[in-house]
Protein backbone atom coordinates (compact mmCIF):
# COMPACT_ATOMS: atom_id res chain seq x y z
CA MET A 1 11.71 -21.64 -9.40
CA ILE A 2 12.28 -21.28 -13.14
CA ALA A 3 9.69 -24.00 -13.82
CA MET A 4 7.12 -22.14 -11.75
CA LEU A 5 7.98 -18.84 -13.45
CA LEU A 6 7.67 -20.18 -16.98
CA GLY A 7 4.54 -22.08 -16.01
CA LEU A 8 2.92 -18.83 -14.94
CA LEU A 9 4.03 -17.19 -18.18
CA LEU A 10 2.49 -20.05 -20.15
CA TRP A 11 -0.94 -19.61 -18.53
CA PRO A 12 -1.64 -16.11 -19.98
CA ALA A 13 -0.56 -17.34 -23.40
CA LEU A 14 -3.13 -20.12 -23.30
CA LEU A 15 -5.82 -17.63 -22.29
CA ALA A 16 -4.82 -15.34 -25.18
CA ALA A 17 -5.92 -18.02 -27.64
CA GLN A 18 -9.54 -17.68 -26.48
CA PRO A 19 -11.95 -15.27 -28.25
CA VAL A 20 -12.23 -11.90 -26.54
CA ARG A 21 -14.65 -9.01 -26.81
CA ILE A 22 -13.93 -6.25 -29.33
CA LYS A 23 -14.22 -3.64 -26.55
CA ASP A 24 -11.26 -5.26 -24.78
CA ILE A 25 -8.85 -4.98 -27.73
CA ALA A 26 -10.01 -1.82 -29.53
CA ASP A 27 -11.01 1.74 -28.70
CA VAL A 28 -13.29 4.18 -30.47
CA GLU A 29 -11.01 6.73 -32.10
CA GLY A 30 -11.34 10.11 -30.39
CA VAL A 31 -12.77 8.70 -27.16
CA ARG A 32 -9.75 9.09 -24.89
CA ASP A 33 -8.40 10.78 -21.79
CA ASN A 34 -6.65 14.15 -21.87
CA GLN A 35 -3.70 14.93 -19.62
CA LEU A 36 -3.75 17.99 -17.38
CA VAL A 37 -0.95 19.64 -15.41
CA GLY A 38 -0.68 22.50 -12.93
CA TYR A 39 1.65 24.16 -10.41
CA GLY A 40 0.53 24.69 -6.83
CA LEU A 41 1.43 24.96 -3.17
CA VAL A 42 0.90 22.47 -0.35
CA VAL A 43 0.63 24.08 3.08
CA GLY A 44 0.25 22.82 6.65
CA LEU A 45 3.29 20.53 6.64
CA PRO A 46 4.85 19.70 10.04
CA GLY A 47 8.26 21.22 9.26
CA THR A 48 8.89 18.91 6.29
CA GLY A 49 8.38 21.44 3.50
CA ASP A 50 10.79 23.33 1.25
CA ARG A 51 13.59 25.50 2.62
CA LEU A 52 12.71 28.98 1.36
CA ARG A 53 16.34 30.05 1.26
CA THR A 54 17.20 27.41 -1.34
CA ALA A 55 13.81 26.83 -3.04
CA ILE A 56 13.52 30.24 -4.68
CA PHE A 57 10.41 29.32 -6.70
CA THR A 58 8.61 28.31 -3.50
CA ARG A 59 9.40 31.65 -1.85
CA GLN A 60 8.27 33.62 -4.91
CA SER A 61 5.05 31.58 -5.15
CA LEU A 62 4.34 32.20 -1.47
CA VAL A 63 4.85 35.96 -1.86
CA GLY A 64 2.64 36.04 -4.95
CA MET A 65 -0.12 34.06 -3.26
CA LEU A 66 -0.12 36.33 -0.20
CA GLU A 67 -0.30 39.41 -2.43
CA ARG A 68 -3.40 38.05 -4.17
CA LEU A 69 -4.95 37.62 -0.74
CA GLY A 70 -4.11 41.20 0.26
CA VAL A 71 -0.96 40.55 2.31
CA ASN A 72 2.18 42.47 1.27
CA THR A 73 5.41 40.68 2.19
CA ARG A 74 7.76 41.88 -0.57
CA ASP A 75 9.53 44.35 1.70
CA ASN A 76 10.34 41.51 4.11
CA GLU A 77 10.73 38.69 1.59
CA ALA A 78 14.25 37.88 2.75
CA ARG A 79 12.98 37.30 6.29
CA LEU A 80 10.51 34.63 5.27
CA ASP A 81 11.64 31.39 6.88
CA THR A 82 9.09 28.60 7.12
CA ARG A 83 9.24 24.83 6.52
CA ASN A 84 5.49 24.12 6.36
CA ILE A 85 4.98 24.88 2.65
CA ALA A 86 6.07 22.99 -0.50
CA ALA A 87 5.88 23.71 -4.22
CA VAL A 88 4.32 20.82 -6.14
CA MET A 89 3.34 19.74 -9.63
CA VAL A 90 -0.26 18.56 -9.93
CA THR A 91 -1.28 16.15 -12.70
CA ALA A 92 -4.57 14.50 -13.66
CA ASN A 93 -6.31 12.68 -16.50
CA LEU A 94 -9.50 14.25 -17.84
CA PRO A 95 -11.76 11.34 -18.89
CA ALA A 96 -13.62 11.38 -22.18
CA PHE A 97 -17.05 13.04 -22.04
CA ALA A 98 -16.33 14.54 -18.57
CA GLN A 99 -18.71 17.41 -17.95
CA PRO A 100 -18.30 20.57 -15.82
CA GLY A 101 -18.85 19.70 -12.18
CA SER A 102 -17.50 16.16 -12.47
CA ARG A 103 -14.73 15.18 -10.04
CA ILE A 104 -11.43 13.56 -10.96
CA ASP A 105 -8.45 12.22 -9.01
CA VAL A 106 -5.25 14.25 -8.99
CA ALA A 107 -1.61 13.37 -8.26
CA VAL A 108 0.70 15.71 -6.35
CA SER A 109 4.52 15.55 -6.57
CA SER A 110 7.06 17.69 -4.74
CA MET A 111 9.36 19.96 -6.77
CA GLY A 112 11.72 21.30 -4.10
CA ASP A 113 13.54 19.80 -1.14
CA ALA A 114 10.45 18.92 0.90
CA SER A 115 10.93 15.61 2.67
CA ASN A 116 7.31 14.66 3.36
CA LEU A 117 3.91 15.86 2.10
CA THR A 118 1.90 13.92 4.66
CA GLY A 119 -0.64 16.10 6.46
CA GLY A 120 -0.53 18.92 3.91
CA THR A 121 -3.33 20.63 2.02
CA LEU A 122 -3.15 21.60 -1.64
CA LEU A 123 -4.37 25.14 -2.31
CA VAL A 124 -6.55 25.96 -5.32
CA THR A 125 -4.55 24.93 -8.41
CA PRO A 126 -5.72 25.41 -12.01
CA LEU A 127 -5.05 22.39 -14.23
CA LEU A 128 -4.15 23.19 -17.83
CA GLY A 129 -4.48 21.19 -21.01
CA ALA A 130 -2.04 21.04 -23.92
CA ASP A 131 -3.73 24.12 -25.41
CA GLY A 132 -3.07 26.19 -22.28
CA ALA A 133 -6.74 26.40 -21.27
CA VAL A 134 -7.94 25.62 -17.75
CA TYR A 135 -10.00 22.41 -17.73
CA ALA A 136 -10.12 21.63 -14.00
CA VAL A 137 -9.27 23.04 -10.57
CA ALA A 138 -7.74 20.96 -7.77
CA GLN A 139 -7.72 21.46 -4.01
CA GLY A 140 -7.84 19.31 -0.89
CA ALA A 141 -5.92 17.32 1.70
CA VAL A 142 -3.16 15.17 0.22
CA ALA A 143 -2.63 11.52 1.15
CA THR A 144 0.78 9.94 0.57
CA GLY A 145 0.12 6.47 1.98
CA ALA A 146 3.78 6.46 3.06
CA ILE A 147 5.34 5.85 6.47
CA ALA A 148 8.48 7.71 7.52
CA ALA A 149 10.05 7.66 11.00
CA ARG A 150 13.49 8.80 12.08
CA GLY A 151 15.36 8.45 15.33
CA ALA A 152 18.84 9.27 16.59
CA GLY A 153 20.37 6.08 15.30
CA ALA A 154 17.97 4.66 12.73
CA SER A 155 15.24 5.59 10.29
CA VAL A 156 12.56 3.73 8.38
CA MET A 157 10.63 4.71 5.27
CA ARG A 158 7.94 2.88 3.35
CA GLY A 159 6.49 4.30 0.18
CA VAL A 160 7.30 7.70 -1.34
CA PRO A 161 6.32 10.54 1.03
CA THR A 162 7.01 13.24 -1.58
CA SER A 163 4.33 11.91 -3.94
CA ALA A 164 0.65 12.00 -2.99
CA ARG A 165 -2.87 11.77 -4.35
CA ILE A 166 -6.14 13.55 -3.72
CA SER A 167 -9.12 11.31 -4.37
CA SER A 168 -11.81 13.29 -6.25
CA GLY A 169 -9.73 16.39 -5.56
CA GLY A 170 -10.26 17.99 -8.96
CA ILE A 171 -13.42 19.60 -10.29
CA VAL A 172 -13.90 19.76 -14.08
CA GLU A 173 -14.49 23.32 -15.26
CA ARG A 174 -14.57 22.76 -19.02
CA ALA A 175 -15.47 19.78 -21.21
CA VAL A 176 -13.43 18.68 -24.20
CA PRO A 177 -15.75 19.09 -27.20
CA TYR A 178 -16.47 15.73 -28.82
CA THR A 179 -19.74 14.24 -29.96
CA LEU A 180 -20.77 10.99 -31.59
CA ALA A 181 -24.18 12.14 -32.78
CA GLY A 182 -24.49 12.91 -36.48
CA ARG A 183 -21.35 11.04 -37.54
CA ASP A 184 -21.36 8.98 -40.72
CA HIS A 185 -18.19 7.04 -39.88
CA ILE A 186 -16.50 5.75 -36.73
CA ARG A 187 -13.01 4.34 -36.48
CA LEU A 188 -11.97 1.54 -34.15
CA SER A 189 -8.33 1.72 -33.06
CA LEU A 190 -6.65 -1.56 -32.10
CA ARG A 191 -4.52 -1.44 -28.97
CA ASN A 192 -2.11 -4.01 -30.47
CA PRO A 193 -1.96 -3.39 -34.23
CA ASP A 194 -2.15 -6.55 -36.33
CA PHE A 195 -3.34 -7.22 -39.90
CA THR A 196 -5.09 -10.49 -39.02
CA THR A 197 -6.82 -9.15 -35.93
CA ALA A 198 -8.11 -6.08 -37.79
CA GLN A 199 -9.51 -8.28 -40.56
CA ARG A 200 -11.17 -10.62 -38.05
CA ILE A 201 -12.84 -7.67 -36.31
CA ALA A 202 -14.21 -6.41 -39.62
CA ALA A 203 -15.45 -9.90 -40.51
CA ALA A 204 -17.16 -10.33 -37.14
CA ILE A 205 -18.98 -7.00 -37.50
CA ASN A 206 -20.02 -7.69 -41.09
CA GLY A 207 -21.26 -11.12 -39.99
CA ARG A 208 -24.13 -9.40 -38.21
CA GLY A 209 -25.48 -8.36 -41.62
CA GLY A 210 -24.44 -5.66 -44.04
CA ASN A 211 -21.05 -4.48 -45.19
CA THR A 212 -20.46 -1.88 -42.49
CA ALA A 213 -16.85 -2.55 -41.44
CA ARG A 214 -13.58 -2.40 -43.37
CA ALA A 215 -10.03 -2.92 -42.11
CA VAL A 216 -8.11 0.14 -43.30
CA ASP A 217 -4.72 -0.76 -41.80
CA PRO A 218 -3.37 -2.98 -38.98
CA ARG A 219 -4.55 -0.46 -36.38
CA THR A 220 -7.79 0.90 -37.82
CA VAL A 221 -11.20 -0.57 -38.66
CA LEU A 222 -13.58 1.87 -40.39
CA LEU A 223 -17.27 1.58 -39.53
CA THR A 224 -19.95 3.04 -41.82
CA LEU A 225 -22.99 3.94 -39.76
CA GLY A 226 -25.45 4.49 -42.63
CA GLY A 227 -27.85 6.51 -40.47
CA ARG A 228 -27.61 4.21 -37.44
CA ASP A 229 -27.46 5.61 -33.94
CA PRO A 230 -23.74 5.60 -32.97
CA MET A 231 -24.33 4.69 -29.32
CA SER A 232 -26.61 1.77 -30.15
CA PHE A 233 -24.32 0.49 -32.91
CA ILE A 234 -21.17 0.63 -30.76
CA THR A 235 -22.98 -1.10 -27.88
CA GLN A 236 -23.90 -3.99 -30.15
CA ILE A 237 -20.54 -4.55 -31.85
CA GLU A 238 -18.31 -4.16 -28.77
CA GLN A 239 -19.77 -7.37 -27.33
CA LEU A 240 -18.81 -9.42 -30.40
CA ARG A 241 -15.94 -11.84 -29.79
CA VAL A 242 -12.90 -12.40 -31.99
CA GLN A 243 -9.67 -14.32 -31.58
CA PRO A 244 -6.78 -11.84 -31.69
CA ASP A 245 -3.60 -12.79 -33.47
CA GLN A 246 -0.14 -11.72 -32.37
CA VAL A 247 3.42 -11.58 -33.63
CA ALA A 248 5.76 -14.19 -32.20
CA ARG A 249 7.75 -12.18 -29.67
CA VAL A 250 10.01 -12.82 -26.68
CA ILE A 251 10.37 -9.97 -24.19
CA VAL A 252 13.45 -10.02 -21.96
CA GLU A 253 13.81 -7.65 -18.98
CA GLU A 254 17.47 -7.96 -18.06
CA ALA A 255 17.27 -5.80 -14.93
CA SER A 256 14.81 -8.13 -13.19
CA GLY A 257 15.52 -11.36 -15.09
CA THR A 258 11.93 -11.53 -16.39
CA ILE A 259 11.14 -13.43 -19.59
CA VAL A 260 7.76 -13.37 -21.37
CA MET A 261 7.06 -15.48 -24.45
CA GLY A 262 4.16 -15.16 -26.86
CA GLU A 263 2.03 -18.12 -27.86
CA GLN A 264 3.37 -18.18 -31.43
CA VAL A 265 7.06 -18.50 -30.46
CA ARG A 266 8.74 -21.40 -32.28
CA VAL A 267 12.31 -22.71 -32.27
CA SER A 268 14.00 -24.58 -35.10
CA THR A 269 15.89 -27.75 -34.22
CA VAL A 270 18.88 -26.73 -32.16
CA ALA A 271 21.27 -28.32 -29.65
CA ILE A 272 22.10 -26.44 -26.45
CA ALA A 273 24.79 -26.98 -23.85
CA GLN A 274 25.21 -24.53 -21.01
CA GLY A 275 27.58 -24.52 -18.07
CA ASN A 276 29.65 -22.21 -15.91
CA LEU A 277 32.96 -22.74 -14.15
CA THR A 278 32.62 -22.21 -10.39
CA ILE A 279 35.62 -22.11 -8.06
CA ARG A 280 34.82 -22.18 -4.33
CA ILE A 281 37.58 -21.40 -1.79
CA THR A 282 36.90 -22.14 1.90
CA GLU A 283 39.24 -20.93 4.63
CA THR A 284 39.17 -22.90 7.95
CA PRO A 285 42.19 -21.75 9.97
CA GLN A 286 43.22 -23.93 12.94
CA VAL A 287 45.14 -23.08 16.12
CA SER A 288 48.37 -25.00 16.95
CA GLN A 289 48.96 -24.95 20.72
CA PRO A 290 52.26 -26.28 22.34
CA ASN A 291 52.22 -28.66 25.30
CA ALA A 292 52.08 -27.31 28.83
CA PHE A 293 55.39 -25.88 30.02
CA GLY A 294 56.72 -26.23 26.46
CA GLN A 295 58.90 -23.65 24.79
CA GLY A 296 56.76 -23.38 21.63
CA GLU A 297 54.39 -20.57 20.62
CA THR A 298 50.71 -20.66 19.80
CA VAL A 299 50.25 -20.06 16.08
CA VAL A 300 47.39 -20.11 13.56
CA VAL A 301 47.80 -22.73 10.85
CA PRO A 302 45.90 -21.91 7.63
CA ARG A 303 43.73 -24.60 6.11
CA THR A 304 42.42 -23.89 2.60
CA GLN A 305 39.97 -26.08 0.66
CA ILE A 306 39.49 -25.43 -3.05
CA GLU A 307 36.58 -26.94 -5.01
CA VAL A 308 36.20 -26.64 -8.78
CA ASP A 309 32.76 -27.22 -10.33
CA ASP A 310 32.77 -27.19 -14.12
CA GLN A 311 29.15 -28.39 -14.20
CA GLY A 312 30.24 -31.43 -16.17
CA ASP A 313 26.99 -33.20 -15.29
CA ARG A 314 25.12 -30.95 -17.70
CA ARG A 315 24.69 -32.56 -21.06
CA LEU A 316 23.88 -31.31 -24.52
CA GLY A 317 20.13 -30.77 -24.86
CA VAL A 318 18.15 -30.82 -28.10
CA LEU A 319 15.10 -28.66 -28.82
CA ARG A 320 13.14 -30.08 -31.73
CA GLY A 321 11.98 -27.75 -34.47
CA GLY A 322 8.40 -26.45 -34.62
CA VAL A 323 7.65 -27.11 -30.97
CA THR A 324 4.75 -25.41 -29.21
CA LEU A 325 5.22 -22.95 -26.37
CA SER A 326 4.58 -25.60 -23.73
CA GLU A 327 7.15 -27.92 -25.34
CA LEU A 328 9.65 -25.07 -25.56
CA VAL A 329 9.20 -24.29 -21.86
CA ARG A 330 9.58 -27.98 -21.00
CA GLY A 331 12.76 -28.24 -23.05
CA LEU A 332 14.32 -25.14 -21.46
CA ASN A 333 13.39 -26.38 -18.00
CA SER A 334 15.18 -29.67 -18.69
CA LEU A 335 18.45 -27.76 -19.00
CA GLY A 336 18.15 -26.76 -15.33
CA VAL A 337 19.16 -23.13 -15.82
CA GLY A 338 18.09 -19.99 -13.99
CA PRO A 339 16.46 -16.89 -15.53
CA ARG A 340 19.80 -15.11 -16.09
CA ASP A 341 21.29 -18.06 -17.97
CA LEU A 342 18.03 -18.51 -19.86
CA ILE A 343 18.31 -14.94 -21.17
CA THR A 344 21.77 -15.73 -22.55
CA ILE A 345 20.49 -18.96 -24.12
CA LEU A 346 17.63 -17.16 -25.89
CA GLN A 347 19.98 -14.48 -27.21
CA THR A 348 22.34 -17.16 -28.51
CA ILE A 349 19.51 -19.12 -30.14
CA LYS A 350 18.39 -15.91 -31.87
CA ALA A 351 21.96 -15.24 -33.05
CA ALA A 352 22.07 -18.77 -34.49
CA GLY A 353 18.88 -18.06 -36.46
CA ALA A 354 16.92 -20.80 -34.68
CA LEU A 355 14.50 -18.56 -32.72
CA GLN A 356 11.56 -17.84 -35.03
CA ALA A 357 10.35 -14.83 -33.10
CA GLU A 358 11.22 -11.22 -32.34
CA LEU A 359 13.59 -10.92 -29.39
CA GLU A 360 13.15 -7.64 -27.54
CA VAL A 361 15.66 -6.93 -24.79
CA ARG A 362 14.85 -4.09 -22.42
């Protein structure tokens, strides 16, 4: 299993060594999504909504909504008792250059004690940006994609029924002002900052002719347009291919036992021995029965078998210095350890100063 896991981790590392397009590793600075958020009500639930007696904000929102529609319920607010409505938070990403009238997907999440949003309909909900302005409005039937069934003695649930989406449920009302026309400079922002990669991107762009690109820092490459059309220039350079560089890094996810190693990971010469003491106790009680017409009693005789495994068959393994990633994986596999033990080995190698890479434990 560990050999298959590390083999799969090795494959992306080999692909990373191949040249990639600039558009796949860098973004045009300023061309990005904007996050929107809003508060709304989902109605039409089959008795799975909020309890109005405990979800005070849901009751107040319901009263306020009815008042805006010309229905006065404040005098009888305490008598409101329905389970087919739920207060929700609505979130969405406003894409770059989205224009009024464009549609976007929205996510709906329950705030109160509603147990299921399936079958509900989101009422008109303004979506606000970080500046407090309304940039979109959402409404429509929600889809959870979850399955929930409950009986007298058992229940089953698949997915999260209190979180839903509305495909194309938001309509853009206001565009975020940003234009490329008339700009003298454009900045490319690397998704994974690196000095070498930034310099290679600048060299690839300048290789087309002219000194138009300059690496400002590990994240930024400055492009001088010199009167060129920004759209045409970006279209041409984003197809250029460069070989990205990366810091030698090992990522360890302790919760799941996942280990990811970068291509540049190297280990100095080190000897490794790993083993655990396992004690296995097996109880096999037997029944002792007296002969027929005897005066004895039937008793249970305990039988205990104890096995001690100190994993003495595991020997000291040597990892030679300066090995490649494939050789490192092969050497670790030869120790015959699982992912959990491998995490401990990597941490110990790092503590010994033999792991020439960053070790990030999450």
